């Protein structure tokens, strides 16, 4: 359950996802927050340059490994517009980050992309809990799901359909 006051971090994730879309990337955004509520870092998707590993969740895991103690990482929360992919979930667990709160689930995203005619990705989507069973995961967040869906619709509108 999303705690009181956490929607502001999730709204920032939506803003970052919109920034990614405006920059020509797929709409994903994430915010890393310390246990005391301080925003430590944020990022948006940056895969349009050809490096498909430049997901915001992966970048925040990398940043936290370089800048935080193991205790600070464990106390931190990653807020994100979409549930972590397997690569990002593994990075999150390997560096010892704490809780994940996502707006839209991988299942929701997969359904939307299929509806929009987007070909399946080269890596199968799996829930974070299957990749990193020790991480506390919360989501989806119904209050913001429609905004995230609209960004993905905008991203894929007019692109060639699969099949």
Protein backbone atom coordinates (compact mmCIF):
# COMPACT_ATOMS: atom_id res chain seq x y z
CA UNK A 1 0.00 0.00 0.00
CA UNK A 2 1.31 3.42 -0.91
CA UNK A 3 1.86 5.49 2.21
CA UNK A 4 0.60 9.01 2.77
CA UNK A 5 2.90 11.50 1.06
CA UNK A 6 4.38 9.01 -1.41
CA UNK A 7 2.23 10.04 -4.37
CA UNK A 8 4.46 13.09 -4.87
CA UNK A 9 7.41 10.83 -5.71
CA UNK A 10 5.25 8.81 -8.08
CA UNK A 11 3.96 11.97 -9.76
CA UNK A 12 7.59 12.97 -10.31
CA UNK A 13 8.11 9.57 -11.97
CA UNK A 14 5.30 10.41 -14.39
CA UNK A 15 6.94 13.80 -15.10
CA UNK A 16 10.28 12.08 -15.77
CA UNK A 17 8.56 9.56 -18.04
CA UNK A 18 7.02 12.44 -19.99
CA UNK A 19 10.47 14.06 -20.24
CA UNK A 20 11.84 10.80 -21.63
CA UNK A 21 9.06 10.68 -24.20
CA UNK A 22 9.65 14.31 -25.19
CA UNK A 23 13.35 13.44 -25.67
CA UNK A 24 12.50 10.57 -28.04
CA UNK A 25 12.69 7.75 -25.50
CA UNK A 26 10.12 5.32 -24.17
CA UNK A 27 8.30 6.84 -21.18
CA UNK A 28 9.87 5.57 -17.97
CA UNK A 29 11.00 7.58 -14.96
CA UNK A 30 12.26 6.70 -11.49
CA UNK A 31 13.12 8.44 -8.22
CA UNK A 32 15.41 7.14 -5.45
CA UNK A 33 14.34 8.30 -1.98
CA UNK A 34 16.22 7.88 1.31
CA UNK A 35 14.58 6.38 4.36
CA UNK A 36 14.01 9.90 5.73
CA UNK A 37 12.15 11.01 2.58
CA UNK A 38 15.02 12.92 0.96
CA UNK A 39 15.17 12.58 -2.82
CA UNK A 40 18.66 11.24 -3.54
CA UNK A 41 18.60 10.81 -7.32
CA UNK A 42 16.24 10.54 -10.26
CA UNK A 43 16.48 9.52 -13.87
CA UNK A 44 14.47 8.83 -16.98
CA UNK A 45 14.78 6.34 -19.79
CA UNK A 46 17.75 7.03 -22.09
CA UNK A 47 17.73 4.07 -24.47
CA UNK A 48 17.19 6.05 -27.68
CA UNK A 49 20.97 6.39 -28.09
CA UNK A 50 21.13 2.64 -28.77
CA UNK A 51 22.20 1.42 -25.32
CA UNK A 52 19.15 -0.58 -24.25
CA UNK A 53 20.50 -0.89 -20.68
CA UNK A 54 20.00 2.83 -19.92
CA UNK A 55 16.83 2.22 -17.91
CA UNK A 56 16.31 4.66 -15.02
CA UNK A 57 16.01 1.86 -12.44
CA UNK A 58 19.35 0.39 -13.55
CA UNK A 59 21.00 3.82 -13.45
CA UNK A 60 19.69 4.44 -9.92
CA UNK A 61 21.03 1.05 -8.78
CA UNK A 62 24.40 1.93 -10.26
CA UNK A 63 24.33 5.39 -8.65
CA UNK A 64 23.39 3.99 -5.25
CA UNK A 65 26.24 1.46 -5.33
CA UNK A 66 28.70 4.31 -5.89
CA UNK A 67 27.24 6.83 -3.42
CA UNK A 68 25.44 5.06 -0.58
CA UNK A 69 26.41 2.69 2.20
CA UNK A 70 24.78 -0.75 2.28
CA UNK A 71 22.58 0.46 5.14
CA UNK A 72 21.47 3.56 3.22
CA UNK A 73 20.67 1.45 0.16
CA UNK A 74 18.58 -0.97 2.21
CA UNK A 75 16.59 1.91 3.74
CA UNK A 76 15.94 3.60 0.37
CA UNK A 77 12.87 3.23 -1.84
CA UNK A 78 12.80 3.30 -5.63
CA UNK A 79 9.62 4.85 -7.02
CA UNK A 80 9.04 4.16 -10.67
CA UNK A 81 6.51 4.64 -13.44
CA UNK A 82 6.66 0.96 -14.40
CA UNK A 83 7.57 -2.27 -12.65
CA UNK A 84 11.25 -3.13 -13.05
CA UNK A 85 12.24 -5.36 -15.95
CA UNK A 86 14.31 -8.47 -15.10
CA UNK A 87 17.61 -6.62 -15.73
CA UNK A 88 16.66 -3.75 -13.42
CA UNK A 89 15.17 -6.04 -10.76
CA UNK A 90 18.42 -8.01 -10.64
CA UNK A 91 20.52 -4.84 -10.39
CA UNK A 92 18.24 -3.56 -7.61
CA UNK A 93 18.67 -6.78 -5.61
CA UNK A 94 22.41 -7.11 -6.25
CA UNK A 95 23.18 -3.63 -4.88
CA UNK A 96 20.87 -4.17 -1.91
CA UNK A 97 18.30 -1.45 -2.48
CA UNK A 98 15.14 -1.50 -0.39
CA UNK A 99 11.51 -1.23 -1.36
CA UNK A 100 10.14 -0.74 -4.89
CA UNK A 101 6.89 1.14 -5.53
CA UNK A 102 5.69 1.11 -9.14
CA UNK A 103 2.73 2.71 -10.86
CA UNK A 104 2.07 0.23 -13.69
CA UNK A 105 2.83 -3.49 -13.54
CA UNK A 106 4.75 -5.44 -16.15
CA UNK A 107 1.52 -7.29 -16.97
CA UNK A 108 -0.31 -4.01 -17.54
CA UNK A 109 2.49 -2.71 -19.77
CA UNK A 110 2.64 -5.95 -21.76
CA UNK A 111 -1.11 -5.78 -22.33
CA UNK A 112 -0.96 -2.16 -23.47
CA UNK A 113 1.93 -2.80 -25.84
CA UNK A 114 0.12 -5.78 -27.37
CA UNK A 115 -2.98 -3.60 -27.77
CA UNK A 116 -0.85 -0.93 -29.49
CA UNK A 117 0.67 -3.56 -31.82
CA UNK A 118 4.19 -3.32 -30.40
CA UNK A 119 6.31 -6.46 -30.93
CA UNK A 120 7.30 -8.40 -27.81
CA UNK A 121 10.66 -7.41 -26.31
CA UNK A 122 13.68 -9.74 -26.60
CA UNK A 123 13.57 -10.46 -22.84
CA UNK A 124 10.47 -11.93 -21.25
CA UNK A 125 8.81 -9.72 -18.66
CA UNK A 126 8.58 -11.21 -15.19
CA UNK A 127 7.30 -9.76 -11.94
CA UNK A 128 10.03 -8.31 -9.71
CA UNK A 129 9.10 -10.83 -7.01
CA UNK A 130 10.22 -13.68 -9.29
CA UNK A 131 13.63 -12.07 -9.91
CA UNK A 132 14.26 -10.56 -6.47
CA UNK A 133 12.07 -12.40 -3.94
CA UNK A 134 13.64 -10.63 -0.96
CA UNK A 135 12.65 -7.13 -2.12
CA UNK A 136 9.44 -5.54 -0.84
CA UNK A 137 7.41 -4.57 -3.91
CA UNK A 138 4.25 -2.47 -4.01
CA UNK A 139 2.07 -1.62 -6.97
CA UNK A 140 0.28 -0.96 -9.16
CA UNK A 141 -0.90 2.48 -8.05
CA UNK A 142 -4.37 2.93 -9.59
CA UNK A 143 -4.42 6.71 -9.09
CA UNK A 144 -1.71 7.19 -11.74
CA UNK A 145 -2.02 4.16 -14.04
CA UNK A 146 -4.09 6.01 -16.65
CA UNK A 147 -1.44 8.74 -16.96
CA UNK A 148 1.29 6.17 -17.56
CA UNK A 149 -0.88 4.31 -20.08
CA UNK A 150 -1.51 7.56 -21.96
CA UNK A 151 2.25 8.19 -22.22
CA UNK A 152 2.80 4.73 -23.68
CA UNK A 153 -0.09 5.21 -26.11
CA UNK A 154 1.46 8.52 -27.22
CA UNK A 155 4.86 6.84 -27.56
CA UNK A 156 3.59 4.11 -29.83
CA UNK A 157 0.91 6.00 -31.80
CA UNK A 158 1.72 6.01 -35.48
CA UNK A 159 4.52 3.46 -35.21
CA UNK A 160 4.32 0.45 -37.52
CA UNK A 161 2.19 -2.31 -36.02
CA UNK A 162 3.53 -5.83 -35.55
CA UNK A 163 2.34 -8.90 -37.37
